[in-house]
Every structure is written in C-alpha cells, then in structure tokens.
Protein backbone atom coordinates (compact mmCIF):
# COMPACT_ATOMS: atom_id res chain seq x y z
CA UNK A 1 -9.32 27.80 2.34
CA UNK A 2 -5.61 28.14 1.80
CA UNK A 3 -4.19 26.75 -1.42
CA UNK A 4 -2.83 23.72 0.45
CA UNK A 5 -6.18 23.07 2.14
CA UNK A 6 -8.07 23.42 -1.15
CA UNK A 7 -5.72 21.00 -2.88
CA UNK A 8 -6.17 18.46 -0.07
CA UNK A 9 -9.95 18.85 -0.29
CA UNK A 10 -9.96 18.32 -4.05
CA UNK A 11 -7.74 15.25 -3.74
CA UNK A 12 -10.01 13.71 -1.12
CA UNK A 13 -13.14 14.32 -3.18
CA UNK A 14 -11.52 13.03 -6.36
CA UNK A 15 -10.23 9.95 -4.53
CA UNK A 16 -13.72 9.04 -3.32
CA UNK A 17 -15.34 9.66 -6.70
CA UNK A 18 -12.71 7.76 -8.68
CA UNK A 19 -12.88 4.86 -6.23
CA UNK A 20 -16.66 4.69 -6.28
CA UNK A 21 -17.37 5.29 -9.96
CA UNK A 22 -14.12 4.73 -11.85
CA UNK A 23 -11.92 7.14 -13.76
CA UNK A 24 -13.93 7.10 -16.96
CA UNK A 25 -17.26 7.82 -15.27
CA UNK A 26 -16.10 10.85 -13.32
CA UNK A 27 -15.76 14.27 -14.92
CA UNK A 28 -14.03 17.41 -13.78
CA UNK A 29 -17.52 18.93 -13.54
CA UNK A 30 -18.47 16.22 -11.03
CA UNK A 31 -15.43 16.98 -8.89
CA UNK A 32 -15.92 20.75 -9.06
CA UNK A 33 -19.60 20.39 -8.16
CA UNK A 34 -18.85 18.15 -5.19
CA UNK A 35 -16.17 20.58 -3.95
CA UNK A 36 -18.46 23.56 -4.61
CA UNK A 37 -15.79 25.35 -6.61
CA UNK A 38 -15.70 26.62 -10.17
CA UNK A 39 -13.91 24.62 -12.86
CA UNK A 40 -11.26 27.36 -13.27
CA UNK A 41 -10.39 26.91 -9.58
CA UNK A 42 -10.11 23.14 -10.06
CA UNK A 43 -7.95 23.55 -13.16
CA UNK A 44 -5.60 25.91 -11.34
CA UNK A 45 -4.72 23.01 -9.05
CA UNK A 46 -4.89 20.19 -11.61
CA UNK A 47 -4.56 20.93 -15.35
CA UNK A 48 -6.43 17.77 -16.36
CA UNK A 49 -8.40 14.84 -14.99
CA UNK A 50 -5.42 12.57 -15.59
CA UNK A 51 -3.16 14.90 -13.58
CA UNK A 52 -5.66 14.78 -10.75
CA UNK A 53 -5.91 10.98 -10.94
CA UNK A 54 -2.12 10.63 -10.87
CA UNK A 55 -1.95 12.90 -7.82
CA UNK A 56 -4.49 10.67 -6.07
CA UNK A 57 -2.51 7.53 -6.96
CA UNK A 58 0.71 9.16 -5.72
CA UNK A 59 -0.93 10.04 -2.40
CA UNK A 60 -2.24 6.49 -1.99
CA UNK A 61 1.20 5.12 -2.78
CA UNK A 62 2.86 7.38 -0.23
CA UNK A 63 0.43 6.23 2.47
CA UNK A 64 1.13 2.58 1.69
CA UNK A 65 4.90 3.06 1.68
CA UNK A 66 4.74 4.84 5.04
CA UNK A 67 2.87 1.85 6.48
CA UNK A 68 5.46 -0.58 5.09
CA UNK A 69 8.33 1.53 6.44
CA UNK A 70 6.82 1.37 9.92
CA UNK A 71 6.47 -2.41 9.58
CA UNK A 72 10.09 -3.14 8.64
CA UNK A 73 11.68 -0.59 10.98
CA UNK A 74 12.07 -2.94 14.00
CA UNK A 75 14.31 -5.37 12.12
CA UNK A 76 16.55 -2.63 10.76
CA UNK A 77 16.74 -0.76 14.07
CA UNK A 78 17.62 -3.89 16.06
CA UNK A 79 18.43 -5.64 18.21
CA UNK A 80 16.39 -8.52 16.82
CA UNK A 81 14.94 -10.86 19.44
CA UNK A 82 13.61 -14.34 18.82
CA UNK A 83 10.03 -14.17 17.63
CA UNK A 84 10.53 -10.75 16.07
CA UNK A 85 10.55 -12.22 12.57
CA UNK A 86 6.95 -13.30 12.69
CA UNK A 87 6.06 -9.95 14.26
CA UNK A 88 7.54 -8.15 11.26
CA UNK A 89 5.68 -10.41 8.81
CA UNK A 90 2.50 -9.70 10.78
CA UNK A 91 3.28 -5.98 10.70
CA UNK A 92 3.63 -6.08 6.90
CA UNK A 93 0.27 -7.85 6.55
CA UNK A 94 -1.23 -5.42 9.06
CA UNK A 95 0.19 -2.50 7.06
CA UNK A 96 -1.80 -3.57 4.01
CA UNK A 97 -4.97 -4.17 6.03
CA UNK A 98 -4.58 -0.82 7.77
CA UNK A 99 -4.11 0.86 4.41
CA UNK A 100 -7.30 -0.56 2.94
CA UNK A 101 -9.08 0.03 6.24
CA UNK A 102 -8.41 3.76 5.94
CA UNK A 103 -8.50 4.06 2.15
CA UNK A 104 -11.53 1.81 1.69
CA UNK A 105 -12.51 1.29 -1.90
CA UNK A 106 -9.99 3.94 -2.93
CA UNK A 107 -7.26 1.36 -2.22
CA UNK A 108 -8.31 -0.21 -5.50
CA UNK A 109 -6.82 2.83 -7.23
CA UNK A 110 -3.46 1.35 -6.26
CA UNK A 111 -4.31 -2.34 -6.51
CA UNK A 112 -6.92 -2.51 -9.27
CA UNK A 113 -6.77 0.76 -11.21
CA UNK A 114 -9.20 0.91 -14.11
CA UNK A 115 -6.74 3.07 -16.09
CA UNK A 116 -3.81 0.66 -16.07
CA UNK A 117 -3.60 0.67 -19.86
CA UNK A 118 -2.35 4.26 -19.59
CA UNK A 119 1.45 4.19 -19.34
CA UNK A 120 1.61 7.08 -16.88
CA UNK A 121 -0.88 5.51 -14.51
CA UNK A 122 0.70 2.08 -14.79
CA UNK A 123 4.08 3.59 -14.01
CA UNK A 124 2.81 5.35 -10.89
CA UNK A 125 0.97 2.27 -9.63
CA UNK A 126 3.97 0.05 -10.34
CA UNK A 127 6.29 2.51 -8.60
CA UNK A 128 4.41 2.36 -5.30
CA UNK A 129 4.21 -1.44 -5.34
CA UNK A 130 7.84 -1.74 -6.45
CA UNK A 131 9.05 0.51 -3.64
CA UNK A 132 7.11 -1.47 -1.04
CA UNK A 133 8.53 -4.70 -2.45
CA UNK A 134 12.07 -3.28 -2.50
CA UNK A 135 11.96 -2.29 1.17
CA UNK A 136 10.65 -5.69 2.21
CA UNK A 137 13.26 -7.42 0.00
CA UNK A 138 16.06 -5.54 1.78
CA UNK A 139 14.93 -6.92 5.12
CA UNK A 140 14.44 -10.44 3.77
CA UNK A 141 17.97 -10.45 2.33
CA UNK A 142 19.27 -9.32 5.71
CA UNK A 143 17.63 -12.12 7.68
CA UNK A 144 17.86 -14.96 5.17
CA UNK A 145 21.28 -14.36 3.66
CA UNK A 146 19.80 -14.97 0.22
CA UNK A 147 20.86 -13.02 -2.86
CA UNK A 148 19.15 -9.73 -3.71
CA UNK A 149 17.52 -11.45 -6.69
CA UNK A 150 16.06 -14.12 -4.39
CA UNK A 151 14.96 -11.41 -1.97
CA UNK A 152 13.06 -9.67 -4.75
CA UNK A 153 11.12 -12.85 -5.54
CA UNK A 154 10.34 -13.57 -1.88
CA UNK A 155 9.24 -9.99 -1.24
CA UNK A 156 7.02 -9.96 -4.31
CA UNK A 157 5.33 -13.14 -3.08
CA UNK A 158 4.83 -11.70 0.40
CA UNK A 159 3.46 -8.43 -0.97
CA UNK A 160 1.06 -10.29 -3.28
CA UNK A 161 -0.14 -12.36 -0.33
CA UNK A 162 -0.63 -9.35 1.93
CA UNK A 163 -2.31 -7.33 -0.80
CA UNK A 164 -4.63 -10.18 -1.72
CA UNK A 165 -5.58 -10.75 1.91
CA UNK A 166 -6.20 -7.04 2.43
CA UNK A 167 -8.41 -6.80 -0.65
CA UNK A 168 -10.33 -9.90 0.43
CA UNK A 169 -10.83 -8.45 3.90
CA UNK A 170 -12.05 -5.15 2.44
CA UNK A 171 -14.81 -7.00 0.59
CA UNK A 172 -15.66 -9.45 3.42
CA UNK A 173 -14.85 -7.56 6.58
CA UNK A 174 -18.22 -8.40 8.11
CA UNK A 175 -17.27 -12.10 7.99
CA UNK A 176 -13.70 -11.86 9.27
CA UNK A 177 -12.12 -9.44 11.68
CA UNK A 178 -8.84 -7.77 10.74
CA UNK A 179 -6.91 -9.36 13.63
CA UNK A 180 -7.98 -12.83 12.56
CA UNK A 181 -6.92 -12.20 8.96
CA UNK A 182 -3.53 -10.90 10.11
CA UNK A 183 -3.01 -13.99 12.30
CA UNK A 184 -3.95 -16.44 9.57
CA UNK A 185 -1.90 -14.84 6.82
CA UNK A 186 1.06 -14.23 9.12
CA UNK A 187 1.11 -17.90 10.13
CA UNK A 188 1.05 -18.92 6.49
CA UNK A 189 3.77 -16.49 5.40
CA UNK A 190 6.05 -16.86 8.43
CA UNK A 191 6.20 -20.64 8.16
CA UNK A 192 7.74 -20.13 4.74
CA UNK A 193 10.05 -17.27 5.69
CA UNK A 194 11.21 -18.98 8.91
CA UNK A 195 12.58 -21.88 6.90
CA UNK A 196 14.80 -19.47 5.01
CA UNK A 197 16.35 -17.59 7.95
CA UNK A 198 20.09 -18.10 7.81
CA UNK A 199 21.55 -20.29 10.59
CA UNK A 200 24.02 -17.62 11.72
CA UNK A 201 21.47 -14.80 12.00
CA UNK A 202 22.21 -12.91 15.22
CA UNK A 203 19.42 -12.78 17.76
CA UNK A 204 19.33 -11.14 21.15
CA UNK A 205 17.57 -13.60 23.42
CA UNK A 206 14.75 -12.02 25.32
C-alpha cells in the first residue's frame, strides 16, 4: 500500500473498532492486529491512540459537513422557488440520516463520543457540530430576516432535531424507513421555519 492508502485503511479500522467497543476498550495492538501491520508502522502514521481517535473524529466531521453543504446549496445558489424551503429542511434532515446510514455506529463518535471529557476530543466534536450549525444559520438568516443571534438558536434547534432523528433511525431502522423519517421530521421542522420566513422574501414562481 502507498502511505495514503495505509493511512486510510488504519482510519477505517480504527473507526469501526472505536465505534463498536469504545475508545477505552481498544488498544493500538488491537488496531495493528486488525490491519495486519506492526505497531511501529501504526505509530509512524499516528503517534498515539488519541491522535488516531482525533483523526477519526475529524474525518467523520468532514463527511457530515459535506452533507450539510450539499443540503443548503440550493438556497444559496438560487433562484428560490416556492416549496424550496421545505425541500432544504428535508435535505438537512436527509443529510444527517445519510451520514449515519454510511457511518453506522461510528456516527456516535461525533454525536455520543465516550471521550468527551477530554478537551481535545470535545473541541473536535464541537467544531464539526458548530460548523454544521453555522452553515444552516446563515441560510436561516437569509430566508427569515432574523438576526444572526436568532439564526444561531434556530439552527441549533434544527440540528438537534435532525441529529436526534438520525440517531433514533440508526437504532430502529427496521421499524421505520429513512424516507418516512425524513418526511415526518421535515413536516415538523418546516411548519416552524415557514412561520418565520420574512414577508418580502423573493421567490421565483415555478
């Protein structure tokens, strides 16, 4: 393997082990054994288990932010047509469900990390969630005309709702399909957001 390929392999293995067993129950020996590499090889890529864990959290955060960026892009690109608002809310909810659908239990590394008492980990986890919230807040301010401070509160509430729904779906996906969850949560969230859209918001009628 190239160095880049080896690093990607080690991150994937570590992600699965951390998600399944928790940070404190996984050793560097476990990761090296699963990857079939020596510990010196593992340490050349990641000087410590915490460094490896932080790299995994960063990768998860980047995946989530990419999903959120795709969700908010239609509003920022314009023109905005009537009905697009709910579509964007649905896209945000779908972004979180898609993230947990791909990440599986490893999504808990971003949502429910078992190392959150560590300042470095907490900072990385908070950064990913804060960036997602910030991007959504920018769009909400644009369409509601509310202050940036109000947008931050609204975005945090929407993110918490989407994240909670995604985590619920991850644990109960056999009982509810993803599309149904997106529809239900989008209806709930959009009814609230729709009441805040500023009267002079410019639409292009379709």
